[in-house]
N, C-alpha and C. Protein backbone atom coordinates (compact mmCIF):
# COMPACT_ATOMS: atom_id res chain seq x y z
N MET A 1 16.05 1.23 -8.40
CA MET A 1 14.78 0.59 -8.68
C MET A 1 13.78 0.99 -7.59
N ASP A 2 12.60 1.43 -8.00
CA ASP A 2 11.61 1.88 -7.03
C ASP A 2 10.83 0.75 -6.39
N ASP A 3 10.51 -0.29 -7.13
CA ASP A 3 9.69 -1.38 -6.63
C ASP A 3 10.58 -2.54 -6.19
N PRO A 4 10.48 -2.99 -4.93
CA PRO A 4 11.32 -4.09 -4.46
C PRO A 4 11.19 -5.36 -5.30
N LYS A 5 10.02 -5.56 -5.92
CA LYS A 5 9.84 -6.75 -6.74
C LYS A 5 10.75 -6.71 -7.97
N ASP A 6 11.03 -5.51 -8.49
CA ASP A 6 11.96 -5.40 -9.62
C ASP A 6 13.34 -5.89 -9.21
N GLU A 7 13.72 -5.56 -7.98
CA GLU A 7 15.03 -5.95 -7.48
C GLU A 7 15.14 -7.47 -7.34
N ILE A 8 14.13 -8.11 -6.79
CA ILE A 8 14.20 -9.58 -6.64
C ILE A 8 14.19 -10.24 -8.02
N GLU A 9 13.38 -9.73 -8.94
CA GLU A 9 13.35 -10.32 -10.27
C GLU A 9 14.72 -10.26 -10.93
N SER A 10 15.45 -9.17 -10.72
CA SER A 10 16.76 -9.06 -11.33
C SER A 10 17.76 -10.01 -10.67
N ARG A 11 17.54 -10.36 -9.40
CA ARG A 11 18.46 -11.24 -8.69
C ARG A 11 18.17 -12.72 -8.94
N VAL A 12 16.92 -13.08 -9.16
CA VAL A 12 16.59 -14.50 -9.25
C VAL A 12 16.06 -14.94 -10.61
N ASP A 13 15.79 -14.02 -11.51
CA ASP A 13 15.30 -14.35 -12.83
C ASP A 13 13.94 -15.06 -12.80
N TYR A 14 13.10 -14.70 -11.83
CA TYR A 14 11.75 -15.24 -11.72
C TYR A 14 10.79 -14.08 -11.59
N PRO A 15 9.60 -14.18 -12.21
CA PRO A 15 8.63 -13.10 -12.04
C PRO A 15 8.02 -13.13 -10.64
N ILE A 16 7.86 -11.96 -10.04
CA ILE A 16 7.26 -11.83 -8.71
C ILE A 16 6.04 -10.94 -8.85
N MET A 17 4.93 -11.36 -8.25
CA MET A 17 3.73 -10.53 -8.20
C MET A 17 3.42 -10.29 -6.74
N GLY A 18 2.95 -9.11 -6.40
CA GLY A 18 2.58 -8.84 -5.03
C GLY A 18 2.05 -7.44 -4.89
N PRO A 19 1.68 -7.09 -3.65
CA PRO A 19 1.17 -5.74 -3.41
C PRO A 19 2.21 -4.69 -3.81
N GLU A 20 1.76 -3.61 -4.38
CA GLU A 20 2.66 -2.54 -4.82
C GLU A 20 3.54 -2.07 -3.68
N GLY A 21 4.85 -2.05 -3.91
CA GLY A 21 5.81 -1.56 -2.93
C GLY A 21 6.09 -2.52 -1.78
N ALA A 22 5.56 -3.73 -1.83
CA ALA A 22 5.78 -4.69 -0.73
C ALA A 22 7.25 -5.09 -0.67
N GLU A 23 7.76 -5.20 0.53
CA GLU A 23 9.14 -5.61 0.74
C GLU A 23 9.27 -7.12 0.53
N VAL A 24 10.29 -7.53 -0.19
CA VAL A 24 10.51 -8.94 -0.46
C VAL A 24 11.53 -9.47 0.54
N PRO A 25 11.11 -10.38 1.45
CA PRO A 25 12.04 -10.87 2.47
C PRO A 25 13.09 -11.82 1.89
N GLU A 26 14.26 -11.84 2.52
CA GLU A 26 15.36 -12.69 2.06
C GLU A 26 14.97 -14.15 1.98
N PHE A 27 14.20 -14.65 2.97
CA PHE A 27 13.85 -16.07 2.93
C PHE A 27 13.03 -16.41 1.69
N PHE A 28 12.21 -15.45 1.22
CA PHE A 28 11.43 -15.71 0.01
C PHE A 28 12.34 -15.75 -1.21
N ILE A 29 13.32 -14.88 -1.24
CA ILE A 29 14.30 -14.90 -2.32
C ILE A 29 15.01 -16.25 -2.35
N ASP A 30 15.41 -16.75 -1.18
CA ASP A 30 16.07 -18.06 -1.10
C ASP A 30 15.16 -19.19 -1.57
N MET A 31 13.88 -19.13 -1.20
CA MET A 31 12.94 -20.17 -1.62
C MET A 31 12.82 -20.20 -3.14
N VAL A 32 12.66 -19.03 -3.69
CA VAL A 32 12.45 -18.94 -5.13
C VAL A 32 13.71 -19.31 -5.90
N ARG A 33 14.82 -18.76 -5.49
CA ARG A 33 16.07 -18.96 -6.21
C ARG A 33 16.69 -20.33 -5.96
N ASP A 34 16.67 -20.77 -4.69
CA ASP A 34 17.43 -21.97 -4.31
C ASP A 34 16.57 -23.13 -3.85
N GLY A 35 15.25 -22.97 -3.76
CA GLY A 35 14.41 -24.06 -3.25
C GLY A 35 14.67 -24.33 -1.78
N GLU A 36 15.00 -23.28 -1.03
CA GLU A 36 15.41 -23.43 0.35
C GLU A 36 14.27 -23.06 1.30
N PHE A 37 13.59 -24.07 1.83
CA PHE A 37 12.54 -23.85 2.82
C PHE A 37 13.18 -24.09 4.18
N ARG A 38 14.03 -23.15 4.59
CA ARG A 38 14.93 -23.42 5.72
C ARG A 38 14.22 -23.60 7.05
N GLU A 39 13.09 -22.95 7.27
CA GLU A 39 12.38 -23.14 8.53
C GLU A 39 11.89 -24.57 8.69
N ASP A 40 11.63 -25.24 7.57
CA ASP A 40 11.15 -26.62 7.62
C ASP A 40 12.26 -27.61 7.30
N HIS A 41 13.49 -27.11 7.07
CA HIS A 41 14.65 -27.95 6.74
C HIS A 41 14.39 -28.79 5.48
N ILE A 42 13.81 -28.15 4.48
CA ILE A 42 13.50 -28.82 3.21
C ILE A 42 14.19 -28.06 2.09
N TYR A 43 14.80 -28.79 1.20
CA TYR A 43 15.48 -28.20 0.06
C TYR A 43 15.02 -28.91 -1.21
N VAL A 44 14.58 -28.15 -2.19
CA VAL A 44 14.16 -28.70 -3.47
C VAL A 44 14.87 -27.93 -4.57
N ASP A 45 14.93 -28.51 -5.75
CA ASP A 45 15.49 -27.79 -6.89
C ASP A 45 14.43 -26.85 -7.44
N THR A 46 14.84 -25.63 -7.75
CA THR A 46 13.95 -24.73 -8.47
C THR A 46 14.69 -24.23 -9.69
N MET A 47 13.96 -23.92 -10.72
CA MET A 47 14.55 -23.41 -11.95
C MET A 47 13.60 -22.41 -12.57
N PRO A 48 14.07 -21.56 -13.47
CA PRO A 48 13.17 -20.61 -14.12
C PRO A 48 12.01 -21.32 -14.79
N LEU A 49 10.90 -20.65 -14.82
CA LEU A 49 9.66 -21.22 -15.33
C LEU A 49 9.75 -21.69 -16.77
N GLY A 50 10.26 -20.86 -17.66
CA GLY A 50 10.35 -21.24 -19.06
C GLY A 50 8.97 -21.42 -19.69
N ASP A 51 8.90 -22.21 -20.75
CA ASP A 51 7.65 -22.46 -21.45
C ASP A 51 6.74 -23.32 -20.58
N GLU A 52 5.53 -22.83 -20.33
CA GLU A 52 4.62 -23.57 -19.47
C GLU A 52 3.78 -24.61 -20.21
N GLY A 53 3.80 -24.61 -21.52
CA GLY A 53 2.97 -25.58 -22.24
C GLY A 53 1.50 -25.37 -21.90
N PRO A 54 0.79 -26.45 -21.50
CA PRO A 54 -0.65 -26.32 -21.23
C PRO A 54 -0.99 -25.77 -19.85
N TRP A 55 0.02 -25.44 -19.04
CA TRP A 55 -0.25 -24.94 -17.69
C TRP A 55 -0.66 -23.47 -17.75
N THR A 56 -1.60 -23.05 -16.87
CA THR A 56 -2.03 -21.66 -16.81
C THR A 56 -1.56 -21.04 -15.50
N THR A 57 -1.75 -19.73 -15.38
CA THR A 57 -1.31 -19.05 -14.17
C THR A 57 -1.95 -19.65 -12.95
N SER A 58 -3.16 -20.12 -13.05
CA SER A 58 -3.74 -20.83 -11.93
C SER A 58 -5.16 -21.27 -12.21
N GLY A 59 -6.07 -20.35 -12.43
CA GLY A 59 -7.48 -20.72 -12.51
C GLY A 59 -8.08 -20.77 -11.12
N ILE A 60 -7.26 -20.56 -10.10
CA ILE A 60 -7.72 -20.58 -8.71
C ILE A 60 -7.73 -19.12 -8.25
N PRO A 61 -8.91 -18.59 -7.90
CA PRO A 61 -9.02 -17.15 -7.63
C PRO A 61 -8.00 -16.60 -6.64
N ILE A 62 -7.71 -17.30 -5.54
CA ILE A 62 -6.78 -16.75 -4.56
C ILE A 62 -5.37 -16.60 -5.13
N VAL A 63 -5.03 -17.44 -6.10
CA VAL A 63 -3.71 -17.34 -6.72
C VAL A 63 -3.71 -16.25 -7.78
N GLU A 64 -4.75 -16.20 -8.59
CA GLU A 64 -4.80 -15.22 -9.67
C GLU A 64 -4.84 -13.79 -9.15
N SER A 65 -5.44 -13.60 -7.99
CA SER A 65 -5.52 -12.24 -7.44
C SER A 65 -4.70 -12.14 -6.16
N ALA A 66 -3.54 -12.77 -6.16
CA ALA A 66 -2.68 -12.81 -4.97
C ALA A 66 -2.45 -11.45 -4.32
N PRO A 67 -2.11 -10.41 -5.08
CA PRO A 67 -1.85 -9.12 -4.43
C PRO A 67 -3.04 -8.58 -3.65
N SER A 68 -4.25 -8.79 -4.15
CA SER A 68 -5.42 -8.26 -3.45
C SER A 68 -5.71 -9.05 -2.18
N TYR A 69 -5.17 -10.25 -2.06
CA TYR A 69 -5.32 -11.04 -0.84
C TYR A 69 -4.15 -10.81 0.11
N GLY A 70 -3.24 -9.91 -0.21
CA GLY A 70 -2.09 -9.65 0.64
C GLY A 70 -0.98 -10.66 0.44
N ASN A 71 -0.97 -11.33 -0.68
CA ASN A 71 0.04 -12.33 -0.95
C ASN A 71 1.05 -11.84 -1.98
N MET A 72 2.23 -12.39 -1.91
CA MET A 72 3.25 -12.19 -2.92
C MET A 72 3.47 -13.58 -3.52
N MET A 73 3.73 -13.65 -4.80
CA MET A 73 3.91 -14.97 -5.39
C MET A 73 4.99 -14.97 -6.45
N ALA A 74 5.58 -16.15 -6.62
CA ALA A 74 6.60 -16.35 -7.65
C ALA A 74 6.31 -17.67 -8.32
N ALA A 75 6.50 -17.71 -9.61
CA ALA A 75 6.32 -18.94 -10.37
C ALA A 75 7.69 -19.54 -10.65
N VAL A 76 7.83 -20.82 -10.33
CA VAL A 76 9.08 -21.54 -10.56
C VAL A 76 8.76 -22.88 -11.22
N ARG A 77 9.79 -23.58 -11.55
CA ARG A 77 9.64 -24.94 -12.04
C ARG A 77 10.41 -25.82 -11.06
N MET A 78 9.82 -26.97 -10.69
CA MET A 78 10.47 -27.91 -9.77
C MET A 78 10.45 -29.30 -10.39
N PRO A 79 11.44 -30.13 -10.07
CA PRO A 79 11.33 -31.53 -10.48
C PRO A 79 10.05 -32.11 -9.90
N VAL A 80 9.35 -32.92 -10.68
CA VAL A 80 8.07 -33.48 -10.23
C VAL A 80 8.26 -34.22 -8.91
N GLU A 81 9.32 -34.99 -8.79
CA GLU A 81 9.55 -35.76 -7.57
C GLU A 81 9.75 -34.85 -6.35
N ASP A 82 10.45 -33.74 -6.53
CA ASP A 82 10.65 -32.80 -5.42
C ASP A 82 9.32 -32.18 -5.00
N PHE A 83 8.51 -31.78 -5.99
CA PHE A 83 7.23 -31.17 -5.64
C PHE A 83 6.31 -32.19 -4.98
N ARG A 84 6.34 -33.41 -5.47
CA ARG A 84 5.52 -34.47 -4.86
C ARG A 84 5.92 -34.65 -3.39
N ASP A 85 7.22 -34.70 -3.11
CA ASP A 85 7.68 -34.85 -1.73
C ASP A 85 7.26 -33.67 -0.87
N LEU A 86 7.32 -32.46 -1.43
CA LEU A 86 6.91 -31.26 -0.72
C LEU A 86 5.42 -31.31 -0.40
N GLN A 87 4.61 -31.71 -1.37
CA GLN A 87 3.17 -31.83 -1.15
C GLN A 87 2.86 -32.87 -0.08
N GLU A 88 3.57 -33.99 -0.14
CA GLU A 88 3.34 -35.05 0.84
C GLU A 88 3.68 -34.55 2.25
N TYR A 89 4.78 -33.83 2.38
CA TYR A 89 5.16 -33.27 3.67
C TYR A 89 4.07 -32.32 4.19
N ILE A 90 3.60 -31.44 3.33
CA ILE A 90 2.55 -30.50 3.73
C ILE A 90 1.29 -31.25 4.14
N GLY A 91 0.90 -32.24 3.35
CA GLY A 91 -0.34 -32.96 3.61
C GLY A 91 -0.29 -33.89 4.80
N THR A 92 0.82 -34.60 4.98
CA THR A 92 0.87 -35.62 6.03
C THR A 92 1.55 -35.17 7.32
N GLU A 93 2.34 -34.11 7.26
CA GLU A 93 3.01 -33.63 8.46
C GLU A 93 2.36 -32.36 9.01
N LEU A 94 1.92 -31.48 8.12
CA LEU A 94 1.39 -30.20 8.57
C LEU A 94 -0.13 -30.17 8.66
N ARG A 95 -0.80 -30.57 7.61
CA ARG A 95 -2.26 -30.43 7.59
C ARG A 95 -2.97 -31.59 8.28
N TYR A 96 -2.62 -32.80 7.92
CA TYR A 96 -3.27 -33.98 8.48
C TYR A 96 -2.20 -34.92 9.03
N PRO A 97 -1.66 -34.64 10.21
CA PRO A 97 -0.53 -35.43 10.71
C PRO A 97 -0.83 -36.91 10.94
N ASP A 98 -2.09 -37.28 11.01
CA ASP A 98 -2.42 -38.70 11.19
C ASP A 98 -2.60 -39.44 9.87
N THR A 99 -2.40 -38.74 8.76
CA THR A 99 -2.57 -39.34 7.44
C THR A 99 -1.29 -40.02 6.99
N ARG A 100 -1.42 -41.23 6.50
CA ARG A 100 -0.26 -41.93 5.95
C ARG A 100 -0.07 -41.50 4.50
N PRO A 101 1.17 -41.47 4.01
CA PRO A 101 1.42 -41.06 2.62
C PRO A 101 0.60 -41.85 1.59
N ILE A 102 0.40 -43.13 1.82
CA ILE A 102 -0.37 -43.93 0.85
C ILE A 102 -1.79 -43.41 0.73
N THR A 103 -2.37 -42.96 1.84
CA THR A 103 -3.72 -42.40 1.82
C THR A 103 -3.72 -41.01 1.18
N TRP A 104 -2.69 -40.23 1.47
CA TRP A 104 -2.57 -38.89 0.90
C TRP A 104 -2.61 -38.92 -0.62
N TRP A 105 -1.97 -39.93 -1.22
CA TRP A 105 -1.90 -40.01 -2.67
C TRP A 105 -3.02 -40.83 -3.28
N ASP A 106 -4.08 -41.09 -2.52
CA ASP A 106 -5.25 -41.80 -3.04
C ASP A 106 -6.10 -40.77 -3.78
N VAL A 107 -5.81 -40.60 -5.07
CA VAL A 107 -6.47 -39.56 -5.86
C VAL A 107 -7.43 -40.19 -6.86
N ASN A 108 -8.31 -39.39 -7.41
CA ASN A 108 -9.31 -39.85 -8.37
C ASN A 108 -8.64 -40.17 -9.71
N PRO A 109 -8.62 -41.44 -10.11
CA PRO A 109 -7.93 -41.81 -11.34
C PRO A 109 -8.52 -41.18 -12.61
N ASP A 110 -9.83 -40.94 -12.62
CA ASP A 110 -10.44 -40.30 -13.79
C ASP A 110 -9.96 -38.86 -13.94
N ARG A 111 -9.83 -38.17 -12.83
CA ARG A 111 -9.33 -36.78 -12.86
C ARG A 111 -7.88 -36.76 -13.32
N VAL A 112 -7.08 -37.70 -12.79
CA VAL A 112 -5.67 -37.79 -13.18
C VAL A 112 -5.57 -38.05 -14.68
N GLU A 113 -6.37 -38.96 -15.21
CA GLU A 113 -6.31 -39.29 -16.64
C GLU A 113 -6.73 -38.11 -17.50
N SER A 114 -7.74 -37.34 -17.07
CA SER A 114 -8.15 -36.18 -17.88
C SER A 114 -7.03 -35.14 -17.94
N ILE A 115 -6.29 -34.96 -16.86
CA ILE A 115 -5.16 -34.03 -16.86
C ILE A 115 -4.02 -34.60 -17.72
N ALA A 116 -3.75 -35.89 -17.56
CA ALA A 116 -2.68 -36.54 -18.32
C ALA A 116 -2.95 -36.45 -19.82
N ALA A 117 -4.22 -36.59 -20.21
CA ALA A 117 -4.57 -36.51 -21.63
C ALA A 117 -4.23 -35.13 -22.21
N VAL A 118 -4.44 -34.08 -21.43
CA VAL A 118 -4.08 -32.74 -21.88
C VAL A 118 -2.56 -32.61 -21.95
N LEU A 119 -1.86 -33.11 -20.93
CA LEU A 119 -0.40 -33.03 -20.92
C LEU A 119 0.23 -33.78 -22.10
N ARG A 120 -0.37 -34.91 -22.49
CA ARG A 120 0.13 -35.68 -23.64
C ARG A 120 -0.24 -35.03 -24.97
N GLY A 121 -1.21 -34.10 -24.94
CA GLY A 121 -1.68 -33.47 -26.17
C GLY A 121 -2.81 -34.25 -26.83
N ASP A 122 -3.36 -35.23 -26.12
CA ASP A 122 -4.47 -36.03 -26.66
C ASP A 122 -5.80 -35.28 -26.60
N GLU A 123 -5.92 -34.34 -25.69
CA GLU A 123 -7.16 -33.57 -25.52
C GLU A 123 -6.83 -32.10 -25.35
N GLU A 124 -7.81 -31.27 -25.63
CA GLU A 124 -7.67 -29.82 -25.43
C GLU A 124 -7.93 -29.49 -23.96
N PRO A 125 -7.30 -28.43 -23.45
CA PRO A 125 -7.55 -28.03 -22.06
C PRO A 125 -8.99 -27.58 -21.86
N ASP A 126 -9.42 -27.62 -20.63
CA ASP A 126 -10.73 -27.15 -20.23
C ASP A 126 -10.90 -25.70 -20.66
N GLU A 127 -12.05 -25.38 -21.26
CA GLU A 127 -12.29 -24.01 -21.75
C GLU A 127 -12.35 -22.99 -20.63
N ILE A 128 -12.78 -23.41 -19.46
CA ILE A 128 -12.92 -22.46 -18.34
C ILE A 128 -11.56 -21.91 -17.95
N PHE A 129 -10.58 -22.79 -17.80
CA PHE A 129 -9.25 -22.38 -17.37
C PHE A 129 -8.34 -22.03 -18.54
N GLY A 130 -8.59 -22.60 -19.69
CA GLY A 130 -7.72 -22.37 -20.84
C GLY A 130 -6.40 -23.11 -20.72
N GLY A 131 -6.33 -24.05 -19.83
CA GLY A 131 -5.13 -24.84 -19.59
C GLY A 131 -5.26 -25.58 -18.27
N ILE A 132 -4.17 -26.10 -17.79
CA ILE A 132 -4.17 -26.81 -16.51
C ILE A 132 -3.69 -25.83 -15.45
N PRO A 133 -4.51 -25.56 -14.42
CA PRO A 133 -4.08 -24.62 -13.39
C PRO A 133 -2.77 -25.06 -12.72
N ARG A 134 -1.86 -24.14 -12.59
CA ARG A 134 -0.56 -24.41 -11.96
C ARG A 134 -0.74 -24.72 -10.48
N PRO A 135 -0.13 -25.80 -9.96
CA PRO A 135 -0.20 -26.09 -8.53
C PRO A 135 0.46 -25.00 -7.70
N TYR A 136 0.11 -24.93 -6.42
CA TYR A 136 0.75 -23.94 -5.56
C TYR A 136 0.95 -24.45 -4.14
N ILE A 137 1.85 -23.77 -3.44
CA ILE A 137 2.08 -23.97 -2.01
C ILE A 137 2.15 -22.60 -1.38
N LYS A 138 2.00 -22.54 -0.04
CA LYS A 138 2.04 -21.26 0.67
C LYS A 138 3.03 -21.30 1.81
N VAL A 139 3.65 -20.14 2.05
CA VAL A 139 4.51 -19.95 3.21
C VAL A 139 4.03 -18.73 3.97
N GLY A 140 4.30 -18.70 5.28
CA GLY A 140 3.87 -17.59 6.13
C GLY A 140 4.95 -16.54 6.29
N THR A 141 4.64 -15.52 7.06
CA THR A 141 5.56 -14.40 7.25
C THR A 141 6.85 -14.81 7.95
N ASP A 142 6.82 -15.93 8.66
CA ASP A 142 8.02 -16.40 9.34
C ASP A 142 8.87 -17.32 8.46
N GLY A 143 8.41 -17.56 7.24
CA GLY A 143 9.18 -18.38 6.32
C GLY A 143 8.87 -19.86 6.37
N SER A 144 7.97 -20.27 7.25
CA SER A 144 7.65 -21.70 7.31
C SER A 144 6.50 -22.03 6.37
N LEU A 145 6.51 -23.27 5.91
CA LEU A 145 5.43 -23.73 5.05
C LEU A 145 4.12 -23.69 5.82
N LEU A 146 3.07 -23.25 5.15
CA LEU A 146 1.74 -23.32 5.73
C LEU A 146 1.11 -24.65 5.32
N ASP A 147 -0.02 -24.97 5.89
CA ASP A 147 -0.63 -26.26 5.62
C ASP A 147 -1.49 -26.23 4.35
N THR A 148 -1.12 -25.40 3.40
CA THR A 148 -1.89 -25.24 2.17
C THR A 148 -1.06 -25.64 0.96
N GLN A 149 -1.59 -26.55 0.19
CA GLN A 149 -1.00 -26.94 -1.08
C GLN A 149 -2.15 -27.26 -2.01
N GLU A 150 -1.92 -27.21 -3.28
CA GLU A 150 -2.95 -27.50 -4.27
C GLU A 150 -2.29 -28.18 -5.45
N GLY A 151 -2.82 -29.31 -5.88
CA GLY A 151 -2.31 -29.90 -7.12
C GLY A 151 -1.90 -31.36 -7.08
N ARG A 152 -2.44 -32.17 -6.15
CA ARG A 152 -2.05 -33.58 -6.09
C ARG A 152 -2.36 -34.32 -7.39
N HIS A 153 -3.55 -34.13 -7.93
CA HIS A 153 -3.93 -34.82 -9.17
C HIS A 153 -3.02 -34.41 -10.32
N ARG A 154 -2.68 -33.12 -10.39
CA ARG A 154 -1.79 -32.63 -11.44
C ARG A 154 -0.39 -33.22 -11.31
N THR A 155 0.07 -33.37 -10.08
CA THR A 155 1.39 -33.94 -9.85
C THR A 155 1.42 -35.40 -10.28
N VAL A 156 0.41 -36.16 -9.92
CA VAL A 156 0.34 -37.58 -10.31
C VAL A 156 0.25 -37.70 -11.83
N ALA A 157 -0.53 -36.84 -12.47
CA ALA A 157 -0.64 -36.86 -13.93
C ALA A 157 0.70 -36.54 -14.58
N ALA A 158 1.41 -35.56 -14.04
CA ALA A 158 2.73 -35.20 -14.58
C ALA A 158 3.70 -36.38 -14.47
N GLU A 159 3.63 -37.09 -13.36
CA GLU A 159 4.46 -38.30 -13.20
C GLU A 159 4.09 -39.36 -14.22
N GLU A 160 2.79 -39.56 -14.37
CA GLU A 160 2.32 -40.63 -15.27
C GLU A 160 2.73 -40.39 -16.73
N VAL A 161 2.78 -39.14 -17.15
CA VAL A 161 3.18 -38.88 -18.54
C VAL A 161 4.68 -38.71 -18.68
N GLY A 162 5.40 -38.80 -17.57
CA GLY A 162 6.86 -38.77 -17.63
C GLY A 162 7.50 -37.39 -17.67
N LEU A 163 6.80 -36.37 -17.18
CA LEU A 163 7.41 -35.04 -17.13
C LEU A 163 8.53 -35.02 -16.10
N ASP A 164 9.60 -34.31 -16.40
CA ASP A 164 10.70 -34.16 -15.45
C ASP A 164 10.43 -33.07 -14.42
N SER A 165 9.70 -32.02 -14.85
CA SER A 165 9.47 -30.89 -13.95
C SER A 165 8.04 -30.39 -14.11
N ILE A 166 7.64 -29.58 -13.13
CA ILE A 166 6.27 -29.07 -13.10
C ILE A 166 6.32 -27.60 -12.67
N PRO A 167 5.51 -26.73 -13.30
CA PRO A 167 5.47 -25.34 -12.84
C PRO A 167 4.70 -25.25 -11.52
N VAL A 168 5.19 -24.44 -10.61
CA VAL A 168 4.61 -24.31 -9.27
C VAL A 168 4.60 -22.83 -8.88
N THR A 169 3.54 -22.42 -8.23
CA THR A 169 3.49 -21.08 -7.65
C THR A 169 3.80 -21.19 -6.17
N ILE A 170 4.77 -20.40 -5.71
CA ILE A 170 5.06 -20.29 -4.28
C ILE A 170 4.43 -18.99 -3.83
N MET A 171 3.46 -19.08 -2.92
CA MET A 171 2.79 -17.89 -2.42
C MET A 171 3.28 -17.57 -1.02
N TYR A 172 3.64 -16.33 -0.83
CA TYR A 172 4.08 -15.82 0.47
C TYR A 172 2.97 -14.96 1.01
N ASN A 173 2.36 -15.39 2.13
CA ASN A 173 1.31 -14.60 2.73
C ASN A 173 1.95 -13.50 3.56
N THR A 174 1.76 -12.27 3.14
CA THR A 174 2.42 -11.14 3.78
C THR A 174 1.75 -10.70 5.07
N SER A 175 0.65 -11.37 5.46
CA SER A 175 -0.05 -10.92 6.67
C SER A 175 -0.31 -12.02 7.69
N LYS A 176 0.05 -13.29 7.40
CA LYS A 176 -0.21 -14.36 8.36
C LYS A 176 1.07 -15.15 8.64
N GLU A 177 1.25 -15.44 9.92
CA GLU A 177 2.41 -16.25 10.29
C GLU A 177 2.02 -17.72 10.24
N GLY A 178 2.99 -18.56 9.94
CA GLY A 178 2.78 -19.99 10.05
C GLY A 178 3.12 -20.40 11.47
N GLU A 179 2.29 -21.23 12.04
CA GLU A 179 2.56 -21.72 13.39
C GLU A 179 2.39 -23.23 13.35
N GLY A 180 3.52 -23.94 13.26
CA GLY A 180 3.41 -25.39 13.12
C GLY A 180 2.74 -25.74 11.82
N GLY A 181 2.88 -24.87 10.83
CA GLY A 181 2.25 -25.12 9.54
C GLY A 181 0.85 -24.58 9.45
N LYS A 182 0.20 -24.28 10.57
CA LYS A 182 -1.17 -23.79 10.56
C LYS A 182 -1.18 -22.26 10.60
N TYR A 183 -2.25 -21.67 10.12
CA TYR A 183 -2.39 -20.22 10.23
C TYR A 183 -2.52 -19.85 11.69
N ALA A 184 -1.84 -18.80 12.10
CA ALA A 184 -1.93 -18.33 13.49
C ALA A 184 -3.17 -17.47 13.63
């Protein structure tokens, strides 16, 4: 196989996007395949993406054009509770260490309801995105979680409608190290 991404896809059964010819590090394979964020001592369940329903690739420019930003990305599915815990860790431990979890999850109820309505099939997705943008998290070149996550409202909506799992993009920044969760 000429492209390293072909090799990882055959090993983990997940699609990988990234810069042409970029080397796929073992820790990223472990994250995608096993939910193993070993630098942060966090383990979550991951599973193949499968049918995404109303979720879209992202709608967020940095995710949609990951290779041009020097990122590699993989789409997985995680239990909603695992992803919620991961987001809370990123938000309250890495990005805003003085934030309490109750404050972190203080989200706009109208936004949550509009997402939940699409997930239930009561409303059509936003025309701009053509669906609900898939949440994402980022890891650095050293394998540690960065202080970037996206999708709190979507996670709460998924919980409210009773979804068991949620599609998530794991982005690996091929050019920045994580330092205590922050960009170096």
